[in-house]
C-alpha atoms as a PDB file:
ATOM      1  CA  MET A   1      -9.249 -40.771 -26.932  1.00  0.00           C
ATOM      2  CA  THR A   2     -11.661 -37.877 -27.390  1.00  0.00           C
ATOM      3  CA  THR A   3     -10.712 -34.421 -28.598  1.00  0.00           C
ATOM      4  CA  ASN A   4     -10.674 -32.854 -25.143  1.00  0.00           C
ATOM      5  CA  ILE A   5     -10.158 -35.779 -22.766  1.00  0.00           C
ATOM      6  CA  ALA A   6      -7.482 -38.480 -22.983  1.00  0.00           C
ATOM      7  CA  ILE A   7      -8.305 -41.829 -21.402  1.00  0.00           C
ATOM      8  CA  GLU A   8      -5.728 -44.498 -20.609  1.00  0.00           C
ATOM      9  CA  ARG A   9      -5.717 -47.688 -18.594  1.00  0.00           C
ATOM     10  CA  GLN A  10      -2.587 -48.829 -16.802  1.00  0.00           C
ATOM     11  CA  GLY A  11      -3.601 -52.109 -15.237  1.00  0.00           C
ATOM     12  CA  PRO A  12      -6.021 -51.306 -12.402  1.00  0.00           C
ATOM     13  CA  VAL A  13      -5.443 -47.555 -12.709  1.00  0.00           C
ATOM     14  CA  GLY A  14      -7.598 -45.394 -14.948  1.00  0.00           C
ATOM     15  CA  LEU A  15      -6.004 -42.177 -16.187  1.00  0.00           C
ATOM     16  CA  VAL A  16      -8.352 -39.378 -17.230  1.00  0.00           C
ATOM     17  CA  THR A  17      -6.444 -36.395 -18.598  1.00  0.00           C
ATOM     18  CA  LEU A  18      -7.679 -32.930 -19.495  1.00  0.00           C
ATOM     19  CA  ASN A  19      -6.248 -32.505 -22.991  1.00  0.00           C
ATOM     20  CA  ARG A  20      -6.911 -28.927 -24.015  1.00  0.00           C
ATOM     21  CA  PRO A  21      -3.619 -27.186 -23.249  1.00  0.00           C
ATOM     22  CA  ASP A  22      -4.137 -24.403 -25.793  1.00  0.00           C
ATOM     23  CA  ARG A  23      -7.179 -23.293 -23.766  1.00  0.00           C
ATOM     24  CA  HIS A  24      -5.529 -23.973 -20.376  1.00  0.00           C
ATOM     25  CA  ASN A  25      -7.850 -26.983 -20.047  1.00  0.00           C
ATOM     26  CA  ALA A  26     -10.856 -24.706 -19.608  1.00  0.00           C
ATOM     27  CA  PHE A  27     -14.136 -26.503 -20.016  1.00  0.00           C
ATOM     28  CA  ASP A  28     -17.213 -25.839 -22.103  1.00  0.00           C
ATOM     29  CA  ASP A  29     -20.321 -27.935 -22.644  1.00  0.00           C
ATOM     30  CA  ALA A  30     -18.445 -30.458 -24.809  1.00  0.00           C
ATOM     31  CA  VAL A  31     -15.629 -30.922 -22.277  1.00  0.00           C
ATOM     32  CA  ILE A  32     -18.130 -31.276 -19.437  1.00  0.00           C
ATOM     33  CA  ALA A  33     -20.014 -34.003 -21.313  1.00  0.00           C
ATOM     34  CA  GLU A  34     -16.832 -35.859 -22.309  1.00  0.00           C
ATOM     35  CA  LEU A  35     -15.334 -35.730 -18.824  1.00  0.00           C
ATOM     36  CA  THR A  36     -18.577 -36.905 -17.221  1.00  0.00           C
ATOM     37  CA  ASP A  37     -18.775 -39.824 -19.676  1.00  0.00           C
ATOM     38  CA  ALA A  38     -15.112 -40.721 -19.091  1.00  0.00           C
ATOM     39  CA  LEU A  39     -15.582 -40.845 -15.318  1.00  0.00           C
ATOM     40  CA  ARG A  40     -18.740 -42.932 -15.590  1.00  0.00           C
ATOM     41  CA  SER A  41     -17.033 -45.387 -17.918  1.00  0.00           C
ATOM     42  CA  MET A  42     -14.171 -45.778 -15.431  1.00  0.00           C
ATOM     43  CA  GLU A  43     -16.651 -46.409 -12.650  1.00  0.00           C
ATOM     44  CA  ALA A  44     -18.423 -49.090 -14.704  1.00  0.00           C
ATOM     45  CA  GLU A  45     -15.212 -50.933 -15.636  1.00  0.00           C
ATOM     46  CA  ASP A  46     -14.582 -53.763 -13.175  1.00  0.00           C
ATOM     47  CA  GLY A  47     -10.820 -53.889 -13.784  1.00  0.00           C
ATOM     48  CA  ILE A  48     -10.281 -50.259 -12.796  1.00  0.00           C
ATOM     49  CA  ARG A  49      -9.552 -49.842  -9.073  1.00  0.00           C
ATOM     50  CA  CYS A  50      -8.804 -46.110  -8.900  1.00  0.00           C
ATOM     51  CA  VAL A  51      -8.875 -43.065 -11.161  1.00  0.00           C
ATOM     52  CA  VAL A  52      -6.189 -40.390 -11.536  1.00  0.00           C
ATOM     53  CA  LEU A  53      -7.377 -37.035 -12.918  1.00  0.00           C
ATOM     54  CA  SER A  54      -4.569 -35.051 -14.508  1.00  0.00           C
ATOM     55  CA  ALA A  55      -3.927 -32.462 -17.205  1.00  0.00           C
ATOM     56  CA  VAL A  56      -1.413 -31.615 -19.911  1.00  0.00           C
ATOM     57  CA  GLY A  57       0.164 -28.229 -20.503  1.00  0.00           C
ATOM     58  CA  LYS A  58       0.967 -25.380 -18.143  1.00  0.00           C
ATOM     59  CA  SER A  59      -2.406 -25.316 -16.372  1.00  0.00           C
ATOM     60  CA  PHE A  60      -4.436 -27.955 -14.599  1.00  0.00           C
ATOM     61  CA  SER A  61      -7.658 -26.143 -15.507  1.00  0.00           C
ATOM     62  CA  ALA A  62      -8.662 -22.513 -15.920  1.00  0.00           C
ATOM     63  CA  GLY A  63     -12.262 -23.428 -15.099  1.00  0.00           C
ATOM     64  CA  ALA A  64     -15.087 -22.450 -17.402  1.00  0.00           C
ATOM     65  CA  ASP A  65     -14.166 -21.285 -20.915  1.00  0.00           C
ATOM     66  CA  LEU A  66     -15.005 -17.572 -21.079  1.00  0.00           C
ATOM     67  CA  ALA A  67     -16.128 -17.765 -24.718  1.00  0.00           C
ATOM     68  CA  TRP A  68     -18.590 -20.483 -23.749  1.00  0.00           C
ATOM     69  CA  MET A  69     -19.758 -18.478 -20.732  1.00  0.00           C
ATOM     70  CA  ARG A  70     -20.343 -15.415 -22.919  1.00  0.00           C
ATOM     71  CA  ARG A  71     -22.389 -17.519 -25.330  1.00  0.00           C
ATOM     72  CA  VAL A  72     -24.406 -19.108 -22.531  1.00  0.00           C
ATOM     73  CA  ALA A  73     -25.054 -15.742 -20.860  1.00  0.00           C
ATOM     74  CA  GLY A  74     -26.995 -14.672 -23.942  1.00  0.00           C
ATOM     75  CA  ALA A  75     -29.128 -17.800 -23.921  1.00  0.00           C
ATOM     76  CA  SER A  76     -32.510 -18.274 -22.256  1.00  0.00           C
ATOM     77  CA  ALA A  77     -32.896 -18.851 -18.535  1.00  0.00           C
ATOM     78  CA  ALA A  78     -33.816 -22.469 -19.212  1.00  0.00           C
ATOM     79  CA  GLU A  79     -30.683 -23.016 -21.311  1.00  0.00           C
ATOM     80  CA  ASN A  80     -28.543 -21.333 -18.644  1.00  0.00           C
ATOM     81  CA  LYS A  81     -29.934 -23.625 -15.981  1.00  0.00           C
ATOM     82  CA  ARG A  82     -29.466 -26.704 -18.176  1.00  0.00           C
ATOM     83  CA  ASP A  83     -25.780 -25.885 -18.697  1.00  0.00           C
ATOM     84  CA  ALA A  84     -25.304 -25.209 -14.980  1.00  0.00           C
ATOM     85  CA  MET A  85     -26.936 -28.529 -14.145  1.00  0.00           C
ATOM     86  CA  ALA A  86     -24.574 -30.332 -16.542  1.00  0.00           C
ATOM     87  CA  LEU A  87     -21.588 -28.883 -14.677  1.00  0.00           C
ATOM     88  CA  ALA A  88     -23.211 -29.778 -11.360  1.00  0.00           C
ATOM     89  CA  ALA A  89     -23.692 -33.346 -12.614  1.00  0.00           C
ATOM     90  CA  LEU A  90     -19.989 -33.549 -13.524  1.00  0.00           C
ATOM     91  CA  MET A  91     -18.921 -32.404 -10.062  1.00  0.00           C
ATOM     92  CA  ARG A  92     -21.287 -34.805  -8.335  1.00  0.00           C
ATOM     93  CA  THR A  93     -20.173 -37.694 -10.560  1.00  0.00           C
ATOM     94  CA  LEU A  94     -16.545 -37.044  -9.628  1.00  0.00           C
ATOM     95  CA  ALA A  95     -17.259 -36.488  -5.931  1.00  0.00           C
ATOM     96  CA  GLU A  96     -19.428 -39.597  -5.576  1.00  0.00           C
ATOM     97  CA  LEU A  97     -17.505 -41.979  -7.821  1.00  0.00           C
ATOM     98  CA  LYS A  98     -17.443 -45.335  -6.043  1.00  0.00           C
ATOM     99  CA  LYS A  99     -13.761 -45.759  -6.834  1.00  0.00           C
ATOM    100  CA  PRO A 100     -11.004 -43.641  -5.255  1.00  0.00           C
ATOM    101  CA  THR A 101     -10.004 -40.558  -7.224  1.00  0.00           C
ATOM    102  CA  VAL A 102      -6.657 -38.754  -7.161  1.00  0.00           C
ATOM    103  CA  ALA A 103      -6.057 -35.274  -8.584  1.00  0.00           C
ATOM    104  CA  ARG A 104      -2.580 -34.792 -10.064  1.00  0.00           C
ATOM    105  CA  VAL A 105      -2.273 -30.998 -10.154  1.00  0.00           C
ATOM    106  CA  GLN A 106       0.741 -29.888 -12.154  1.00  0.00           C
ATOM    107  CA  GLY A 107      -0.220 -26.245 -12.640  1.00  0.00           C
ATOM    108  CA  PRO A 108      -2.743 -23.515 -11.860  1.00  0.00           C
ATOM    109  CA  ALA A 109      -6.383 -24.377 -11.160  1.00  0.00           C
ATOM    110  CA  TYR A 110      -8.948 -21.599 -11.270  1.00  0.00           C
ATOM    111  CA  GLY A 111     -12.688 -21.472 -10.703  1.00  0.00           C
ATOM    112  CA  GLY A 112     -14.222 -24.776 -11.696  1.00  0.00           C
ATOM    113  CA  GLY A 113     -10.732 -26.263 -11.835  1.00  0.00           C
ATOM    114  CA  VAL A 114     -10.589 -25.820  -8.054  1.00  0.00           C
ATOM    115  CA  GLY A 115     -13.920 -27.632  -7.952  1.00  0.00           C
ATOM    116  CA  LEU A 116     -12.426 -30.638  -9.761  1.00  0.00           C
ATOM    117  CA  VAL A 117      -9.586 -30.772  -7.218  1.00  0.00           C
ATOM    118  CA  ALA A 118     -11.978 -30.490  -4.280  1.00  0.00           C
ATOM    119  CA  CYS A 119     -14.194 -33.258  -5.683  1.00  0.00           C
ATOM    120  CA  CYS A 120     -11.323 -35.764  -5.808  1.00  0.00           C
ATOM    121  CA  ASP A 121     -10.706 -37.912  -2.743  1.00  0.00           C
ATOM    122  CA  ILE A 122      -6.989 -37.108  -2.668  1.00  0.00           C
ATOM    123  CA  ALA A 123      -5.117 -34.222  -4.277  1.00  0.00           C
ATOM    124  CA  VAL A 124      -1.380 -33.946  -4.899  1.00  0.00           C
ATOM    125  CA  ALA A 125      -0.046 -30.668  -6.304  1.00  0.00           C
ATOM    126  CA  SER A 126       3.274 -29.384  -7.538  1.00  0.00           C
ATOM    127  CA  MET A 127       4.867 -26.522  -5.667  1.00  0.00           C
ATOM    128  CA  GLY A 128       4.214 -24.300  -8.693  1.00  0.00           C
ATOM    129  CA  ALA A 129       0.469 -24.909  -8.677  1.00  0.00           C
ATOM    130  CA  LYS A 130      -1.825 -22.060  -7.696  1.00  0.00           C
ATOM    131  CA  PHE A 131      -5.527 -22.033  -6.936  1.00  0.00           C
ATOM    132  CA  ALA A 132      -8.063 -19.228  -7.187  1.00  0.00           C
ATOM    133  CA  LEU A 133     -11.818 -18.896  -6.994  1.00  0.00           C
ATOM    134  CA  THR A 134     -11.966 -16.029  -9.464  1.00  0.00           C
ATOM    135  CA  GLU A 135     -15.709 -15.885 -10.120  1.00  0.00           C
ATOM    136  CA  ALA A 136     -16.362 -12.704  -8.107  1.00  0.00           C
ATOM    137  CA  LYS A 137     -13.880 -10.812 -10.304  1.00  0.00           C
ATOM    138  CA  LEU A 138     -16.236 -11.539 -13.198  1.00  0.00           C
ATOM    139  CA  GLY A 139     -19.347 -10.623 -11.260  1.00  0.00           C
ATOM    140  CA  LEU A 140     -20.169 -14.329 -10.810  1.00  0.00           C
ATOM    141  CA  ILE A 141     -20.264 -16.854  -7.976  1.00  0.00           C
ATOM    142  CA  PRO A 142     -18.650 -20.330  -7.581  1.00  0.00           C
ATOM    143  CA  ALA A 143     -22.090 -21.852  -7.128  1.00  0.00           C
ATOM    144  CA  VAL A 144     -22.090 -25.480  -8.270  1.00  0.00           C
ATOM    145  CA  ILE A 145     -18.589 -26.162  -6.930  1.00  0.00           C
ATOM    146  CA  SER A 146     -19.282 -24.531  -3.571  1.00  0.00           C
ATOM    147  CA  PRO A 147     -20.446 -27.648  -1.642  1.00  0.00           C
ATOM    148  CA  TYR A 148     -17.201 -29.435  -2.455  1.00  0.00           C
ATOM    149  CA  VAL A 149     -14.847 -26.479  -1.976  1.00  0.00           C
ATOM    150  CA  VAL A 150     -16.449 -25.515   1.355  1.00  0.00           C
ATOM    151  CA  ALA A 151     -16.196 -29.149   2.474  1.00  0.00           C
ATOM    152  CA  ALA A 152     -12.487 -29.079   1.594  1.00  0.00           C
ATOM    153  CA  ILE A 153     -11.381 -25.733   3.043  1.00  0.00           C
ATOM    154  CA  GLY A 154     -14.178 -24.863   5.479  1.00  0.00           C
ATOM    155  CA  ALA A 155     -16.669 -22.007   5.544  1.00  0.00           C
ATOM    156  CA  ARG A 156     -14.259 -19.552   7.181  1.00  0.00           C
ATOM    157  CA  ALA A 157     -11.620 -19.853   4.466  1.00  0.00           C
ATOM    158  CA  ALA A 158     -14.338 -19.849   1.803  1.00  0.00           C
ATOM    159  CA  ARG A 159     -15.505 -16.472   3.097  1.00  0.00           C
ATOM    160  CA  ARG A 160     -12.116 -15.026   2.291  1.00  0.00           C
ATOM    161  CA  TYR A 161     -11.307 -16.695  -1.006  1.00  0.00           C
ATOM    162  CA  PHE A 162     -14.809 -16.581  -2.521  1.00  0.00           C
ATOM    163  CA  LEU A 163     -14.979 -12.853  -1.768  1.00  0.00           C
ATOM    164  CA  THR A 164     -11.436 -11.702  -2.600  1.00  0.00           C
ATOM    165  CA  ALA A 165     -10.668 -14.078  -5.491  1.00  0.00           C
ATOM    166  CA  GLU A 166      -7.056 -14.069  -4.258  1.00  0.00           C
ATOM    167  CA  ALA A 167      -4.622 -16.670  -5.532  1.00  0.00           C
ATOM    168  CA  ILE A 168      -3.828 -19.469  -3.097  1.00  0.00           C
ATOM    169  CA  GLU A 169      -0.248 -20.722  -3.213  1.00  0.00           C
ATOM    170  CA  ALA A 170       0.363 -24.475  -3.049  1.00  0.00           C
ATOM    171  CA  ALA A 171       1.601 -24.318   0.552  1.00  0.00           C
ATOM    172  CA  ASP A 172      -1.541 -22.446   1.620  1.00  0.00           C
ATOM    173  CA  ALA A 173      -3.733 -24.891  -0.308  1.00  0.00           C
ATOM    174  CA  TRP A 174      -2.100 -27.666   1.726  1.00  0.00           C
ATOM    175  CA  ARG A 175      -2.619 -25.749   4.959  1.00  0.00           C
ATOM    176  CA  LEU A 176      -6.290 -25.212   4.125  1.00  0.00           C
ATOM    177  CA  GLY A 177      -6.842 -28.870   3.261  1.00  0.00           C
ATOM    178  CA  LEU A 178      -7.504 -28.410  -0.450  1.00  0.00           C
ATOM    179  CA  VAL A 179      -4.495 -30.599  -1.296  1.00  0.00           C
ATOM    180  CA  HIS A 180      -2.972 -33.418   0.730  1.00  0.00           C
ATOM    181  CA  GLU A 181       0.613 -33.457  -0.598  1.00  0.00           C
ATOM    182  CA  ILE A 182       2.948 -30.959  -2.254  1.00  0.00           C
ATOM    183  CA  ALA A 183       5.630 -32.046  -4.701  1.00  0.00           C
ATOM    184  CA  ALA A 184       8.827 -30.186  -5.535  1.00  0.00           C
ATOM    185  CA  ASP A 185       8.572 -30.770  -9.289  1.00  0.00           C
ATOM    186  CA  GLU A 186       6.786 -32.984 -11.818  1.00  0.00           C
ATOM    187  CA  THR A 187       9.085 -35.936 -11.192  1.00  0.00           C
ATOM    188  CA  ASP A 188       8.347 -35.717  -7.483  1.00  0.00           C
ATOM    189  CA  LEU A 189       4.666 -35.202  -8.328  1.00  0.00           C
ATOM    190  CA  ASP A 190       4.543 -38.488 -10.248  1.00  0.00           C
ATOM    191  CA  GLU A 191       6.368 -40.264  -7.434  1.00  0.00           C
ATOM    192  CA  LYS A 192       3.951 -38.990  -4.784  1.00  0.00           C
ATOM    193  CA  VAL A 193       0.906 -39.820  -6.910  1.00  0.00           C
ATOM    194  CA  GLY A 194       2.366 -43.293  -7.453  1.00  0.00           C
ATOM    195  CA  GLN A 195       2.765 -43.784  -3.705  1.00  0.00           C
ATOM    196  CA  VAL A 196      -0.867 -42.788  -3.126  1.00  0.00           C
ATOM    197  CA  VAL A 197      -2.047 -45.148  -5.873  1.00  0.00           C
ATOM    198  CA  ASP A 198       0.005 -48.027  -4.419  1.00  0.00           C
ATOM    199  CA  ALA A 199      -1.573 -47.426  -1.016  1.00  0.00           C
ATOM    200  CA  LEU A 200      -5.048 -47.421  -2.553  1.00  0.00           C
ATOM    201  CA  LEU A 201      -4.469 -50.645  -4.475  1.00  0.00           C
ATOM    202  CA  ALA A 202      -3.497 -52.440  -1.254  1.00  0.00           C
ATOM    203  CA  CYS A 203      -7.042 -51.952   0.062  1.00  0.00           C
ATOM    204  CA  GLY A 204     -10.270 -53.747  -0.766  1.00  0.00           C
ATOM    205  CA  PRO A 205     -12.306 -52.294  -3.647  1.00  0.00           C
ATOM    206  CA  VAL A 206     -15.659 -52.905  -1.944  1.00  0.00           C
ATOM    207  CA  ALA A 207     -14.279 -51.346   1.252  1.00  0.00           C
ATOM    208  CA  HIS A 208     -13.351 -48.247  -0.787  1.00  0.00           C
ATOM    209  CA  ALA A 209     -16.902 -47.832  -2.055  1.00  0.00           C
ATOM    210  CA  GLU A 210     -18.298 -48.402   1.432  1.00  0.00           C
ATOM    211  CA  CYS A 211     -15.823 -45.922   2.976  1.00  0.00           C
ATOM    212  CA  LYS A 212     -16.850 -43.219   0.526  1.00  0.00           C
ATOM    213  CA  SER A 213     -20.515 -43.871   1.222  1.00  0.00           C
ATOM    214  CA  LEU A 214     -19.812 -43.804   4.973  1.00  0.00           C
ATOM    215  CA  ILE A 215     -18.086 -40.425   4.804  1.00  0.00           C
ATOM    216  CA  ARG A 216     -21.007 -38.881   2.927  1.00  0.00           C
ATOM    217  CA  ALA A 217     -23.429 -40.394   5.450  1.00  0.00           C
ATOM    218  CA  VAL A 218     -21.718 -39.133   8.626  1.00  0.00           C
ATOM    219  CA  ALA A 219     -20.116 -35.828   7.591  1.00  0.00           C
ATOM    220  CA  GLY A 220     -21.666 -32.912   9.421  1.00  0.00           C
ATOM    221  CA  ARG A 221     -24.203 -34.995  11.331  1.00  0.00           C
ATOM    222  CA  PRO A 222     -24.472 -34.934  15.129  1.00  0.00           C
ATOM    223  CA  VAL A 223     -23.669 -38.177  16.937  1.00  0.00           C
ATOM    224  CA  THR A 224     -27.161 -39.366  17.760  1.00  0.00           C
ATOM    225  CA  GLY A 225     -28.591 -42.778  18.531  1.00  0.00           C
ATOM    226  CA  GLU A 226     -29.772 -42.941  14.932  1.00  0.00           C
ATOM    227  CA  LEU A 227     -26.265 -42.321  13.593  1.00  0.00           C
ATOM    228  CA  ILE A 228     -24.729 -44.849  15.988  1.00  0.00           C
ATOM    229  CA  GLN A 229     -27.269 -47.433  14.839  1.00  0.00           C
ATOM    230  CA  GLU A 230     -26.529 -46.698  11.196  1.00  0.00           C
ATOM    231  CA  THR A 231     -22.761 -47.021  11.599  1.00  0.00           C
ATOM    232  CA  ALA A 232     -23.147 -50.282  13.532  1.00  0.00           C
ATOM    233  CA  GLU A 233     -25.309 -51.685  10.738  1.00  0.00           C
ATOM    234  CA  ARG A 234     -22.749 -50.633   8.150  1.00  0.00           C
ATOM    235  CA  ILE A 235     -19.812 -52.412   9.816  1.00  0.00           C
ATOM    236  CA  ALA A 236     -21.936 -55.489  10.521  1.00  0.00           C
ATOM    237  CA  LYS A 237     -22.831 -55.712   6.828  1.00  0.00           C
ATOM    238  CA  VAL A 238     -19.265 -55.197   5.604  1.00  0.00           C
ATOM    239  CA  ARG A 239     -17.755 -57.551   8.181  1.00  0.00           C
ATOM    240  CA  ALA A 240     -19.990 -60.367   6.938  1.00  0.00           C
ATOM    241  CA  SER A 241     -19.389 -59.588   3.244  1.00  0.00           C
ATOM    242  CA  PRO A 242     -17.162 -61.843   1.089  1.00  0.00           C
ATOM    243  CA  GLU A 243     -14.482 -59.159   0.879  1.00  0.00           C
ATOM    244  CA  GLY A 244     -14.578 -58.456   4.610  1.00  0.00           C
ATOM    245  CA  MET A 245     -14.297 -62.135   5.460  1.00  0.00           C
ATOM    246  CA  GLU A 246     -11.488 -62.613   2.942  1.00  0.00           C
ATOM    247  CA  GLY A 247      -9.527 -59.646   4.267  1.00  0.00           C
ATOM    248  CA  VAL A 248      -9.663 -60.764   7.899  1.00  0.00           C
ATOM    249  CA  THR A 249      -8.907 -64.396   6.986  1.00  0.00           C
ATOM    250  CA  ALA A 250      -5.942 -63.384   4.832  1.00  0.00           C
ATOM    251  CA  PHE A 251      -4.541 -61.271   7.664  1.00  0.00           C
ATOM    252  CA  LEU A 252      -4.867 -64.096  10.194  1.00  0.00           C
ATOM    253  CA  GLU A 253      -3.367 -66.619   7.770  1.00  0.00           C
ATOM    254  CA  LYS A 254      -0.522 -64.201   6.958  1.00  0.00           C
ATOM    255  CA  ARG A 255      -1.182 -64.289   3.221  1.00  0.00           C
ATOM    256  CA  ARG A 256      -2.074 -61.738   0.579  1.00  0.00           C
ATOM    257  CA  ALA A 257      -5.748 -60.909   0.215  1.00  0.00           C
ATOM    258  CA  ALA A 258      -7.481 -62.040  -2.956  1.00  0.00           C
ATOM    259  CA  TRP A 259      -7.683 -58.521  -4.422  1.00  0.00           C
ATOM    260  CA  LEU A 260      -3.876 -58.185  -4.387  1.00  0.00           C
ATOM    261  CA  PRO A 261      -1.749 -59.540  -7.241  1.00  0.00           C
ATOM    262  CA  PRO A 262       0.533 -62.441  -6.315  1.00  0.00           C
ATOM    263  CA  GLU A 263       3.985 -61.515  -5.112  1.00  0.00           C
ATOM    264  CA  PRO A 264       6.579 -61.700  -7.876  1.00  0.00           C
ATOM    265  CA  PRO A 265       8.891 -64.698  -7.600  1.00  0.00           C
ATOM    266  CA  GLU A 266      12.299 -64.066  -6.099  1.00  0.00           C
ATOM    267  CA  PRO A 267      15.036 -63.797  -8.741  1.00  0.00           C
ATOM    268  CA  GLU A 268      17.250 -66.797  -9.314  1.00  0.00           C
ATOM    269  CA  PRO A 269      20.690 -66.414  -7.652  1.00  0.00           C
ATOM    270  CA  ASP A 270      23.580 -65.754  -9.989  1.00  0.00           C
ATOM    271  CA  PRO A 271      25.566 -68.913 -10.760  1.00  0.00           C
ATOM    272  CA  GLU A 272      28.870 -69.351  -8.975  1.00  0.00           C
ATOM    273  CA  PRO A 273      31.881 -68.363 -11.075  1.00  0.00           C
ATOM    274  CA  GLY A 274      33.234 -71.347 -12.952  1.00  0.00           C
ATOM    275  CA  ALA A 275      30.108 -73.435 -12.329  1.00  0.00           C
END
């Protein structure tokens, strides 16, 4: 465990938790570095199949720490750019992680916290969670998170919420596509996150990495002969891969694929009374 980020492994699931509740899980340069390192370590660990990003305390993340931002604002242009690039590297690391990522959003997410949610493959939020892109209220812009937020909610919605800095209720965040599921409370939140994780673990790990690469490759591109050729080459490669062959063979043989744990044995029947 680091000071700001808690890391836990539960079998094939990596848990990365923002652990700065007294600061509403706002991030500064130290948090950015620790979170980036934690995500990269999860990606490099063969036994980890998916990563859940969560937080402790009332807030998921208040975004950038204002004290840190004030300090950085007085630094040189080169230092300002270096800090911005570190945050951009964190967002890209999370967005392009080869393993599936799930955001467990138990409370408000503001500014860069919205960016973390948008960078995850799947987001589940409690009904009490709120989201806001508050940068314009501070005379700033949500620059490094913008590619991921716009991809999640679309340019039209971004025009409103980047410019007004209005809070987005959980139901509206679902409607806009920022989150995929809404939970009634934290118990329901854990249950829904667990269901998503179970669904992810039923799929092939190499297929997950290839799916994520595929989405990045085709998103926003016109359907041209070049794109058709590329997608055909991708499926041909995966179909002939060891995992692809194992998955199809397991399905045809009506058995569990090799990446799944064996089914637990059925419990022994209770003995007959008097036996």
